[in-house]
Amino acid sequence: MRERTLTYDETKAAEAAFKGEPFNPAWSAAAATVYAGIMEAIEKRGMVVVVESEMAEECLTGR
């Protein structure tokens, strides 16, 4: 995949996703893809952290 600079609305979508702000429907389809990809990655990472902390708690408490 080749690198490229994000467009203005793609940048705004990325910023909104990282801040947990809603997607602006006025942004382009490419911006929607950026936003969705970041939100998906954040959600997956959050689920991994929860699972890891639950496993650590179970190991410590012997459950």
Protein backbone atom coordinates (compact mmCIF):
# COMPACT_ATOMS: atom_id res chain seq x y z
CA MET A 1 0.00 0.00 0.00
CA ARG A 2 1.43 3.38 -0.90
CA GLU A 3 1.44 6.26 1.55
CA ARG A 4 -0.49 9.46 0.92
CA THR A 5 -1.53 12.53 2.83
CA LEU A 6 -5.07 12.53 4.22
CA THR A 7 -7.51 15.04 2.78
CA TYR A 8 -9.03 17.73 4.99
CA ASP A 9 -12.20 15.77 5.69
CA GLU A 10 -10.30 12.51 6.23
CA THR A 11 -8.16 14.31 8.80
CA LYS A 12 -11.27 15.73 10.49
CA ALA A 13 -12.82 12.24 10.53
CA ALA A 14 -9.68 10.77 12.10
CA GLU A 15 -9.61 13.49 14.75
CA ALA A 16 -13.30 12.95 15.53
CA ALA A 17 -12.84 9.19 15.84
CA PHE A 18 -9.91 9.54 18.25
CA LYS A 19 -11.88 12.06 20.33
CA GLY A 20 -14.98 9.84 20.37
CA GLU A 21 -17.00 12.46 18.51
CA PRO A 22 -19.75 11.59 16.00
CA PHE A 23 -19.14 11.30 12.27
CA ASN A 24 -20.18 14.31 10.19
CA PRO A 25 -22.32 13.06 7.27
CA ALA A 26 -21.08 15.99 5.15
CA TRP A 27 -17.65 14.34 4.97
CA SER A 28 -16.69 12.16 2.00
CA ALA A 29 -17.00 8.40 1.64
CA ALA A 30 -13.23 8.17 2.07
CA ALA A 31 -13.55 10.07 5.36
CA ALA A 32 -16.24 7.60 6.44
CA THR A 33 -13.82 4.75 5.75
CA VAL A 34 -11.11 6.43 7.84
CA TYR A 35 -13.56 7.06 10.69
CA ALA A 36 -14.96 3.53 10.64
CA GLY A 37 -11.50 1.96 10.55
CA ILE A 38 -10.27 3.94 13.54
CA MET A 39 -13.44 3.30 15.54
CA GLU A 40 -13.20 -0.43 14.82
CA ALA A 41 -9.57 -0.53 15.90
CA ILE A 42 -10.35 1.38 19.09
CA GLU A 43 -13.25 -0.94 19.91
CA LYS A 44 -11.13 -4.06 19.30
CA ARG A 45 -8.32 -2.67 21.44
CA GLY A 46 -10.77 -1.83 24.22
CA MET A 47 -12.16 -5.35 24.18
CA VAL A 48 -8.64 -6.83 24.37
CA VAL A 49 -7.78 -4.65 27.38
CA VAL A 50 -10.97 -5.72 29.18
CA VAL A 51 -10.33 -9.39 28.50
CA GLU A 52 -6.71 -9.12 29.63
CA SER A 53 -7.67 -7.35 32.86
CA GLU A 54 -10.42 -9.91 33.59
CA MET A 55 -7.94 -12.75 33.04
CA ALA A 56 -5.41 -11.11 35.34
CA GLU A 57 -8.07 -10.66 38.03
CA GLU A 58 -9.13 -14.31 37.73
CA CYS A 59 -5.52 -15.43 38.09
CA LEU A 60 -4.99 -13.27 41.16
CA THR A 61 -8.24 -14.24 42.88
CA GLY A 62 -8.13 -17.91 41.89
CA ARG A 63 -11.59 -17.85 40.24
